[in-house]
Structure formats: structure tokens, C-alpha cells
Amino acid sequence: MDSLGNLVYGLSVWIVPLLLAITLHEAAHGYAALKLGDDTAQRLGRVSINPLRHIDPVGTVAMPLILLALSGGSFMFGYAKPVPVAFHRLRNPRIDMVKVAAAGPLCNLLQAWVAALLLHAAGGPFFSGLDAWLADVLRMAIYFNVLLAVFNMLPLPPLDGGRVAVGLLPNSMAAPLARLERHGFGILLALFFVLPWLGAQLGRNWSIFQTVIIPVTRWFRQLILLLAGHF
């Protein structure tokens, strides 16, 4: 397969599971909010499995492609359009905020487990003719979903983990953490781009992606594979 063929194959393998991972993640937030008393996301059409409802042209498409190309396929960062939630309309705003935030990463872990079950079943008679492309898609589905769950559970608003932390921590700690949300995106850019660059100038590996996100992702990926019967 030539280089163009490899590129097309690689894109086809990760685009489908990535879109599903992002779409169902965001829909899960909206669905949880709806069940807990806030129909804002439903009224705006965000409780949907239609990827077009959740895709941000820059954050979901352009940024990941550019970063993958610049890093030689070793790094990717992106985001979808956040699902709007009116937390004050939830029946129990503080604890329900935790449930809404956790719904996205939990949905990703569930998707990863289902993909792992299907991949495991590939050895059985029903899936004995499973195409190599589909097997690669399932492997990427496991990886992307676990990666998305781990990344989003970083305890920094506006990430899901930040909202979970704000809901669970005592007020003395939750209030200053919640105030960081307005600066959250800038802090993420500094942590994932500026800090690694500074480390590289000093001959140090200060990449949170390489030293924290990837190792934790690999650990959870292995756990999910074991739970799906891969030994």
C-alpha cells in the first residue's frame, strides 16, 4: 500500500470511532440532564446521535488533523461543542451536576467495553470472517473512548472531571476551583503545549500527555480488554 493509501486507510480507521466517541459522549450529557430535570439540551437538539449536532469545525475536525500531521501521528487534541446544561434547573443541582458531568466519560468507557467484546467475539464462528479494517476500527474505538474518558476526567473545569470535583469537594475548595472555569481553556493550552515546550528547552519531559494521560489510558484499556475476556 502506497503512502496515500496508508493515509486514507488510517483516516478511515480512526474517523468513525472518534466521531462515535464524541457524539455519544455529548449526547450522554444531554440525556442525563434531561432525566435529572433540565431539558435545555433536548430543546436545542443536542440529545442526538447525529454527529453534526455536536461537531465543532475547528475543535473536532481541523485541530486534531493539524496536530496529528505536525506530531507525525503521536499527538491529538480536540473538542466538541459543549452540551448546554442549566444546572439551576436540575432537581438537586450540586450532586446532579456530578452525574451529568460523569455521564460522558462513563458512556465512553461503556463504548470501549462494547468494542472490546465485539473484538473478542471476532474469534467465534459468527465473526470468523471479520474484516481487518473492522477489527482495526474496533481497536481504535477502544483506544479513543478510553483516551477521551481519561482526558475529560482531569480535575479542571470546564472538563468533566473539574465539574465532578466541584460537586464533591467542600465549598472552601470547590469555590476557587469553579472560578477557574473561565480560564480553563487557556490553562489546558498552557499545560499541554507551553509546559512541554519549556521542558524540551531544559531537556526535561514535562508532557502531561505522555507522562500522565497515555499511561493511565493504557492501564484502563488493558483493564477493559481483560473485562471483555482478552487474556
C-alpha atoms as a PDB file:
ATOM      1  CA  MET A   1       0.000   0.000   0.000  1.00  0.00           C
ATOM      2  CA  ASP A   2       1.477   3.379  -1.000  1.00  0.00           C
ATOM      3  CA  SER A   3       1.739   6.382   1.341  1.00  0.00           C
ATOM      4  CA  LEU A   4      -1.539   7.889   0.105  1.00  0.00           C
ATOM      5  CA  GLY A   5      -3.282   4.549   0.599  1.00  0.00           C
ATOM      6  CA  ASN A   6      -1.864   4.306   4.117  1.00  0.00           C
ATOM      7  CA  LEU A   7      -3.114   7.814   4.896  1.00  0.00           C
ATOM      8  CA  VAL A   8      -6.611   7.088   3.597  1.00  0.00           C
ATOM      9  CA  TYR A   9      -6.746   3.785   5.460  1.00  0.00           C
ATOM     10  CA  GLY A  10      -5.539   5.398   8.682  1.00  0.00           C
ATOM     11  CA  LEU A  11      -8.094   8.205   8.458  1.00  0.00           C
ATOM     12  CA  SER A  12     -10.923   5.762   7.726  1.00  0.00           C
ATOM     13  CA  VAL A  13      -9.929   3.667  10.738  1.00  0.00           C
ATOM     14  CA  TRP A  14      -9.994   6.481  13.294  1.00  0.00           C
ATOM     15  CA  ILE A  15     -12.670   8.859  11.945  1.00  0.00           C
ATOM     16  CA  VAL A  16     -15.622   6.503  12.555  1.00  0.00           C
ATOM     17  CA  PRO A  17     -14.798   5.556  16.179  1.00  0.00           C
ATOM     18  CA  LEU A  18     -13.735   9.105  17.028  1.00  0.00           C
ATOM     19  CA  LEU A  19     -16.998  10.596  15.765  1.00  0.00           C
ATOM     20  CA  LEU A  20     -18.986   7.976  17.672  1.00  0.00           C
ATOM     21  CA  ALA A  21     -16.960   8.545  20.834  1.00  0.00           C
ATOM     22  CA  ILE A  22     -17.505  12.316  20.728  1.00  0.00           C
ATOM     23  CA  THR A  23     -21.146  12.155  19.638  1.00  0.00           C
ATOM     24  CA  LEU A  24     -22.306   9.671  22.269  1.00  0.00           C
ATOM     25  CA  HIS A  25     -20.230  11.433  24.943  1.00  0.00           C
ATOM     26  CA  GLU A  26     -22.039  14.714  24.341  1.00  0.00           C
ATOM     27  CA  ALA A  27     -25.442  13.073  23.893  1.00  0.00           C
ATOM     28  CA  ALA A  28     -24.950  11.300  27.236  1.00  0.00           C
ATOM     29  CA  HIS A  29     -24.510  14.668  28.974  1.00  0.00           C
ATOM     30  CA  GLY A  30     -27.736  15.944  27.450  1.00  0.00           C
ATOM     31  CA  TYR A  31     -29.655  12.752  28.212  1.00  0.00           C
ATOM     32  CA  ALA A  32     -28.503  12.734  31.852  1.00  0.00           C
ATOM     33  CA  ALA A  33     -29.502  16.389  32.249  1.00  0.00           C
ATOM     34  CA  LEU A  34     -32.919  15.653  30.739  1.00  0.00           C
ATOM     35  CA  LYS A  35     -33.523  12.795  33.156  1.00  0.00           C
ATOM     36  CA  LEU A  36     -32.443  14.988  36.080  1.00  0.00           C
ATOM     37  CA  GLY A  37     -34.778  17.878  35.271  1.00  0.00           C
ATOM     38  CA  ASP A  38     -33.164  20.135  32.632  1.00  0.00           C
ATOM     39  CA  ASP A  39     -34.431  19.903  29.046  1.00  0.00           C
ATOM     40  CA  THR A  40     -32.159  22.649  27.636  1.00  0.00           C
ATOM     41  CA  ALA A  41     -30.064  20.219  25.593  1.00  0.00           C
ATOM     42  CA  GLN A  42     -33.157  18.411  24.300  1.00  0.00           C
ATOM     43  CA  ARG A  43     -34.787  21.660  23.163  1.00  0.00           C
ATOM     44  CA  LEU A  44     -31.616  22.556  21.247  1.00  0.00           C
ATOM     45  CA  GLY A  45     -31.437  19.147  19.578  1.00  0.00           C
ATOM     46  CA  ARG A  46     -28.316  18.027  21.444  1.00  0.00           C
ATOM     47  CA  VAL A  47     -29.735  14.773  22.846  1.00  0.00           C
ATOM     48  CA  SER A  48     -28.946  13.210  19.492  1.00  0.00           C
ATOM     49  CA  ILE A  49     -26.694  10.577  17.935  1.00  0.00           C
ATOM     50  CA  ASN A  50     -26.305  12.772  14.843  1.00  0.00           C
ATOM     51  CA  PRO A  51     -22.603  13.806  14.820  1.00  0.00           C
ATOM     52  CA  LEU A  52     -23.436  17.066  13.032  1.00  0.00           C
ATOM     53  CA  ARG A  53     -25.246  18.223  16.179  1.00  0.00           C
ATOM     54  CA  HIS A  54     -22.027  18.043  18.208  1.00  0.00           C
ATOM     55  CA  ILE A  55     -19.139  18.669  15.812  1.00  0.00           C
ATOM     56  CA  ASP A  56     -17.197  21.909  16.100  1.00  0.00           C
ATOM     57  CA  PRO A  57     -15.481  22.584  12.721  1.00  0.00           C
ATOM     58  CA  VAL A  58     -12.301  23.839  14.383  1.00  0.00           C
ATOM     59  CA  GLY A  59     -12.115  21.780  17.550  1.00  0.00           C
ATOM     60  CA  THR A  60     -13.418  18.460  16.220  1.00  0.00           C
ATOM     61  CA  VAL A  61     -12.007  18.456  12.687  1.00  0.00           C
ATOM     62  CA  ALA A  62      -9.275  20.994  11.927  1.00  0.00           C
ATOM     63  CA  MET A  63      -7.339  20.962  15.198  1.00  0.00           C
ATOM     64  CA  PRO A  64      -6.996  17.157  15.562  1.00  0.00           C
ATOM     65  CA  LEU A  65      -5.948  16.773  11.909  1.00  0.00           C
ATOM     66  CA  ILE A  66      -3.348  19.535  12.151  1.00  0.00           C
ATOM     67  CA  LEU A  67      -1.908  18.202  15.414  1.00  0.00           C
ATOM     68  CA  LEU A  68      -1.783  14.637  14.106  1.00  0.00           C
ATOM     69  CA  ALA A  69       0.055  15.845  10.997  1.00  0.00           C
ATOM     70  CA  LEU A  70       2.509  18.072  12.896  1.00  0.00           C
ATOM     71  CA  SER A  71       3.269  15.377  15.507  1.00  0.00           C
ATOM     72  CA  GLY A  72       3.642  12.556  12.998  1.00  0.00           C
ATOM     73  CA  GLY A  73       0.560  10.854  14.396  1.00  0.00           C
ATOM     74  CA  SER A  74       1.737  10.853  18.029  1.00  0.00           C
ATOM     75  CA  PHE A  75      -0.483  13.599  19.498  1.00  0.00           C
ATOM     76  CA  MET A  76      -4.056  14.724  19.072  1.00  0.00           C
ATOM     77  CA  PHE A  77      -6.193  17.269  20.900  1.00  0.00           C
ATOM     78  CA  GLY A  78      -9.678  18.485  20.123  1.00  0.00           C
ATOM     79  CA  TYR A  79     -13.111  19.251  21.457  1.00  0.00           C
ATOM     80  CA  ALA A  80     -16.786  19.156  20.523  1.00  0.00           C
ATOM     81  CA  LYS A  81     -19.439  21.805  21.054  1.00  0.00           C
ATOM     82  CA  PRO A  82     -20.269  21.673  24.777  1.00  0.00           C
ATOM     83  CA  VAL A  83     -23.771  20.500  25.616  1.00  0.00           C
ATOM     84  CA  PRO A  84     -25.641  23.368  27.332  1.00  0.00           C
ATOM     85  CA  VAL A  85     -26.913  22.496  30.799  1.00  0.00           C
ATOM     86  CA  ALA A  86     -28.833  24.877  33.066  1.00  0.00           C
ATOM     87  CA  PHE A  87     -27.565  23.461  36.344  1.00  0.00           C
ATOM     88  CA  HIS A  88     -30.012  25.522  38.410  1.00  0.00           C
ATOM     89  CA  ARG A  89     -32.865  23.620  36.743  1.00  0.00           C
ATOM     90  CA  LEU A  90     -31.600  20.236  37.931  1.00  0.00           C
ATOM     91  CA  ARG A  91     -33.570  18.753  40.803  1.00  0.00           C
ATOM     92  CA  ASN A  92     -30.511  18.596  43.066  1.00  0.00           C
ATOM     93  CA  PRO A  93     -28.082  20.984  41.332  1.00  0.00           C
ATOM     94  CA  ARG A  94     -24.848  20.121  43.110  1.00  0.00           C
ATOM     95  CA  ILE A  95     -24.994  16.322  43.074  1.00  0.00           C
ATOM     96  CA  ASP A  96     -26.857  16.205  39.743  1.00  0.00           C
ATOM     97  CA  MET A  97     -24.078  18.288  38.188  1.00  0.00           C
ATOM     98  CA  VAL A  98     -21.707  15.464  39.139  1.00  0.00           C
ATOM     99  CA  LYS A  99     -23.992  12.900  37.489  1.00  0.00           C
ATOM    100  CA  VAL A 100     -24.342  14.946  34.292  1.00  0.00           C
ATOM    101  CA  ALA A 101     -20.576  15.501  34.079  1.00  0.00           C
ATOM    102  CA  ALA A 102     -19.761  11.847  34.764  1.00  0.00           C
ATOM    103  CA  ALA A 103     -22.251  10.602  32.148  1.00  0.00           C
ATOM    104  CA  GLY A 104     -19.936  11.483  29.248  1.00  0.00           C
ATOM    105  CA  PRO A 105     -16.798   9.622  30.411  1.00  0.00           C
ATOM    106  CA  LEU A 106     -18.906   6.673  31.625  1.00  0.00           C
ATOM    107  CA  CYS A 107     -20.512   6.477  28.185  1.00  0.00           C
ATOM    108  CA  ASN A 108     -17.032   6.363  26.628  1.00  0.00           C
ATOM    109  CA  LEU A 109     -15.912   3.545  28.932  1.00  0.00           C
ATOM    110  CA  LEU A 110     -19.081   1.633  28.047  1.00  0.00           C
ATOM    111  CA  GLN A 111     -18.382   2.117  24.338  1.00  0.00           C
ATOM    112  CA  ALA A 112     -14.820   0.879  24.833  1.00  0.00           C
ATOM    113  CA  TRP A 113     -16.088  -2.229  26.638  1.00  0.00           C
ATOM    114  CA  VAL A 114     -18.648  -2.996  23.911  1.00  0.00           C
ATOM    115  CA  ALA A 115     -15.945  -2.597  21.243  1.00  0.00           C
ATOM    116  CA  ALA A 116     -13.681  -4.924  23.239  1.00  0.00           C
ATOM    117  CA  LEU A 117     -16.486  -7.510  23.490  1.00  0.00           C
ATOM    118  CA  LEU A 118     -17.013  -7.358  19.715  1.00  0.00           C
ATOM    119  CA  LEU A 119     -13.296  -7.679  19.101  1.00  0.00           C
ATOM    120  CA  HIS A 120     -13.163 -10.682  21.427  1.00  0.00           C
ATOM    121  CA  ALA A 121     -16.119 -12.230  19.616  1.00  0.00           C
ATOM    122  CA  ALA A 122     -14.158 -11.954  16.378  1.00  0.00           C
ATOM    123  CA  GLY A 123     -12.606 -15.298  17.242  1.00  0.00           C
ATOM    124  CA  GLY A 124     -16.009 -17.008  17.330  1.00  0.00           C
ATOM    125  CA  PRO A 125     -17.945 -18.527  14.430  1.00  0.00           C
ATOM    126  CA  PHE A 126     -20.312 -15.567  13.971  1.00  0.00           C
ATOM    127  CA  PHE A 127     -17.463 -13.103  13.405  1.00  0.00           C
ATOM    128  CA  SER A 128     -14.990 -15.560  11.883  1.00  0.00           C
ATOM    129  CA  GLY A 129     -14.866 -13.527   8.678  1.00  0.00           C
ATOM    130  CA  LEU A 130     -14.357 -10.170  10.411  1.00  0.00           C
ATOM    131  CA  ASP A 131     -12.569  -7.851   8.039  1.00  0.00           C
ATOM    132  CA  ALA A 132      -9.170  -6.482   9.097  1.00  0.00           C
ATOM    133  CA  TRP A 133     -10.467  -2.942   8.624  1.00  0.00           C
ATOM    134  CA  LEU A 134     -13.360  -3.505  11.029  1.00  0.00           C
ATOM    135  CA  ALA A 135     -11.016  -5.107  13.562  1.00  0.00           C
ATOM    136  CA  ASP A 136      -8.782  -2.007  13.383  1.00  0.00           C
ATOM    137  CA  VAL A 137     -11.850   0.220  13.820  1.00  0.00           C
ATOM    138  CA  LEU A 138     -12.797  -1.686  16.985  1.00  0.00           C
ATOM    139  CA  ARG A 139      -9.254  -1.373  18.344  1.00  0.00           C
ATOM    140  CA  MET A 140      -9.303   2.371  17.704  1.00  0.00           C
ATOM    141  CA  ALA A 141     -12.759   2.607  19.290  1.00  0.00           C
ATOM    142  CA  ILE A 142     -11.346   1.093  22.472  1.00  0.00           C
ATOM    143  CA  TYR A 143      -8.370   3.447  22.461  1.00  0.00           C
ATOM    144  CA  PHE A 144     -10.203   6.666  21.584  1.00  0.00           C
ATOM    145  CA  ASN A 145     -13.002   6.096  24.082  1.00  0.00           C
ATOM    146  CA  VAL A 146     -10.644   5.335  26.937  1.00  0.00           C
ATOM    147  CA  LEU A 147      -8.444   8.301  25.997  1.00  0.00           C
ATOM    148  CA  LEU A 148     -11.454  10.636  25.866  1.00  0.00           C
ATOM    149  CA  ALA A 149     -12.698   9.404  29.249  1.00  0.00           C
ATOM    150  CA  VAL A 150      -9.292   9.782  30.919  1.00  0.00           C
ATOM    151  CA  PHE A 151      -8.648  13.224  29.445  1.00  0.00           C
ATOM    152  CA  ASN A 152     -12.089  14.542  30.373  1.00  0.00           C
ATOM    153  CA  MET A 153     -11.723  13.375  33.964  1.00  0.00           C
ATOM    154  CA  LEU A 154      -8.791  15.710  34.613  1.00  0.00           C
ATOM    155  CA  PRO A 155      -9.935  17.766  37.641  1.00  0.00           C
ATOM    156  CA  LEU A 156     -10.033  21.109  35.868  1.00  0.00           C
ATOM    157  CA  PRO A 157     -13.207  22.941  34.804  1.00  0.00           C
ATOM    158  CA  PRO A 158     -14.661  23.018  32.192  1.00  0.00           C
ATOM    159  CA  LEU A 159     -13.614  19.371  31.776  1.00  0.00           C
ATOM    160  CA  ASP A 160     -15.987  16.790  33.223  1.00  0.00           C
ATOM    161  CA  GLY A 161     -13.542  15.885  35.969  1.00  0.00           C
ATOM    162  CA  GLY A 162     -13.446  19.509  37.074  1.00  0.00           C
ATOM    163  CA  ARG A 163     -17.223  19.630  37.421  1.00  0.00           C
ATOM    164  CA  VAL A 164     -17.209  16.325  39.292  1.00  0.00           C
ATOM    165  CA  ALA A 165     -14.586  17.732  41.665  1.00  0.00           C
ATOM    166  CA  VAL A 166     -16.570  20.959  42.188  1.00  0.00           C
ATOM    167  CA  GLY A 167     -19.644  18.934  43.085  1.00  0.00           C
ATOM    168  CA  LEU A 168     -17.868  16.625  45.512  1.00  0.00           C
ATOM    169  CA  LEU A 169     -15.337  18.891  47.230  1.00  0.00           C
ATOM    170  CA  PRO A 170     -16.232  21.032  50.268  1.00  0.00           C
ATOM    171  CA  ASN A 171     -17.185  24.614  49.458  1.00  0.00           C
ATOM    172  CA  SER A 172     -13.842  26.001  50.634  1.00  0.00           C
ATOM    173  CA  MET A 173     -12.117  24.033  47.859  1.00  0.00           C
ATOM    174  CA  ALA A 174     -14.937  23.841  45.298  1.00  0.00           C
ATOM    175  CA  ALA A 175     -15.495  27.610  45.003  1.00  0.00           C
ATOM    176  CA  PRO A 176     -11.955  28.562  43.893  1.00  0.00           C
ATOM    177  CA  LEU A 177     -11.849  25.556  41.556  1.00  0.00           C
ATOM    178  CA  ALA A 178     -15.157  26.608  39.968  1.00  0.00           C
ATOM    179  CA  ARG A 179     -13.774  30.115  39.392  1.00  0.00           C
ATOM    180  CA  LEU A 180     -11.036  28.608  37.221  1.00  0.00           C
ATOM    181  CA  GLU A 181     -13.597  27.614  34.588  1.00  0.00           C
ATOM    182  CA  ARG A 182     -13.413  30.967  32.794  1.00  0.00           C
ATOM    183  CA  HIS A 183      -9.666  30.385  32.352  1.00  0.00           C
ATOM    184  CA  GLY A 184      -9.902  26.623  31.845  1.00  0.00           C
ATOM    185  CA  PHE A 185      -9.195  26.504  28.124  1.00  0.00           C
ATOM    186  CA  GLY A 186      -6.147  28.746  28.476  1.00  0.00           C
ATOM    187  CA  ILE A 187      -4.835  26.607  31.335  1.00  0.00           C
ATOM    188  CA  LEU A 188      -5.271  23.462  29.206  1.00  0.00           C
ATOM    189  CA  LEU A 189      -3.346  25.039  26.329  1.00  0.00           C
ATOM    190  CA  ALA A 190      -0.557  26.002  28.724  1.00  0.00           C
ATOM    191  CA  LEU A 191      -0.413  22.533  30.283  1.00  0.00           C
ATOM    192  CA  PHE A 192      -0.447  20.610  27.015  1.00  0.00           C
ATOM    193  CA  PHE A 193       1.581  22.922  24.766  1.00  0.00           C
ATOM    194  CA  VAL A 194       3.581  25.550  26.668  1.00  0.00           C
ATOM    195  CA  LEU A 195       4.724  23.303  29.531  1.00  0.00           C
ATOM    196  CA  PRO A 196       6.083  20.533  27.235  1.00  0.00           C
ATOM    197  CA  TRP A 197       7.866  23.174  25.146  1.00  0.00           C
ATOM    198  CA  LEU A 198       9.521  24.660  28.236  1.00  0.00           C
ATOM    199  CA  GLY A 199      10.504  21.181  29.380  1.00  0.00           C
ATOM    200  CA  ALA A 200      12.060  20.444  25.997  1.00  0.00           C
ATOM    201  CA  GLN A 201      14.194  23.596  26.270  1.00  0.00           C
ATOM    202  CA  LEU A 202      15.523  22.304  29.589  1.00  0.00           C
ATOM    203  CA  GLY A 203      15.966  18.723  28.417  1.00  0.00           C
ATOM    204  CA  ARG A 204      13.049  17.509  30.552  1.00  0.00           C
ATOM    205  CA  ASN A 205       9.894  15.632  29.661  1.00  0.00           C
ATOM    206  CA  TRP A 206       7.131  17.815  31.068  1.00  0.00           C
ATOM    207  CA  SER A 207       4.462  16.480  28.728  1.00  0.00           C
ATOM    208  CA  ILE A 208       1.368  15.668  30.784  1.00  0.00           C
ATOM    209  CA  PHE A 209       0.018  13.847  27.752  1.00  0.00           C
ATOM    210  CA  GLN A 210       2.981  11.469  27.626  1.00  0.00           C
ATOM    211  CA  THR A 211       3.631  11.098  31.357  1.00  0.00           C
ATOM    212  CA  VAL A 212       0.061  11.021  32.711  1.00  0.00           C
ATOM    213  CA  ILE A 213      -2.684  10.705  30.086  1.00  0.00           C
ATOM    214  CA  ILE A 214      -1.129   7.955  27.953  1.00  0.00           C
ATOM    215  CA  PRO A 215      -0.017   5.689  30.849  1.00  0.00           C
ATOM    216  CA  VAL A 216      -3.427   5.946  32.552  1.00  0.00           C
ATOM    217  CA  THR A 217      -5.161   5.341  29.218  1.00  0.00           C
ATOM    218  CA  ARG A 218      -3.090   2.206  28.633  1.00  0.00           C
ATOM    219  CA  TRP A 219      -3.914   0.916  32.129  1.00  0.00           C
ATOM    220  CA  PHE A 220      -7.674   1.380  31.673  1.00  0.00           C
ATOM    221  CA  ARG A 221      -7.500  -0.032  28.144  1.00  0.00           C
ATOM    222  CA  GLN A 222      -5.862  -3.177  29.458  1.00  0.00           C
ATOM    223  CA  LEU A 223      -8.450  -3.440  32.240  1.00  0.00           C
ATOM    224  CA  ILE A 224     -11.321  -3.153  29.748  1.00  0.00           C
ATOM    225  CA  LEU A 225      -9.751  -5.789  27.499  1.00  0.00           C
ATOM    226  CA  LEU A 226      -9.469  -8.135  30.484  1.00  0.00           C
ATOM    227  CA  LEU A 227     -13.106  -7.468  31.453  1.00  0.00           C
ATOM    228  CA  ALA A 228     -14.110  -8.304  27.885  1.00  0.00           C
ATOM    229  CA  GLY A 229     -12.338 -11.662  28.013  1.00  0.00           C
ATOM    230  CA  HIS A 230      -8.999 -10.834  26.373  1.00  0.00           C
ATOM    231  CA  PHE A 231      -6.325 -12.748  28.289  1.00  0.00           C
END
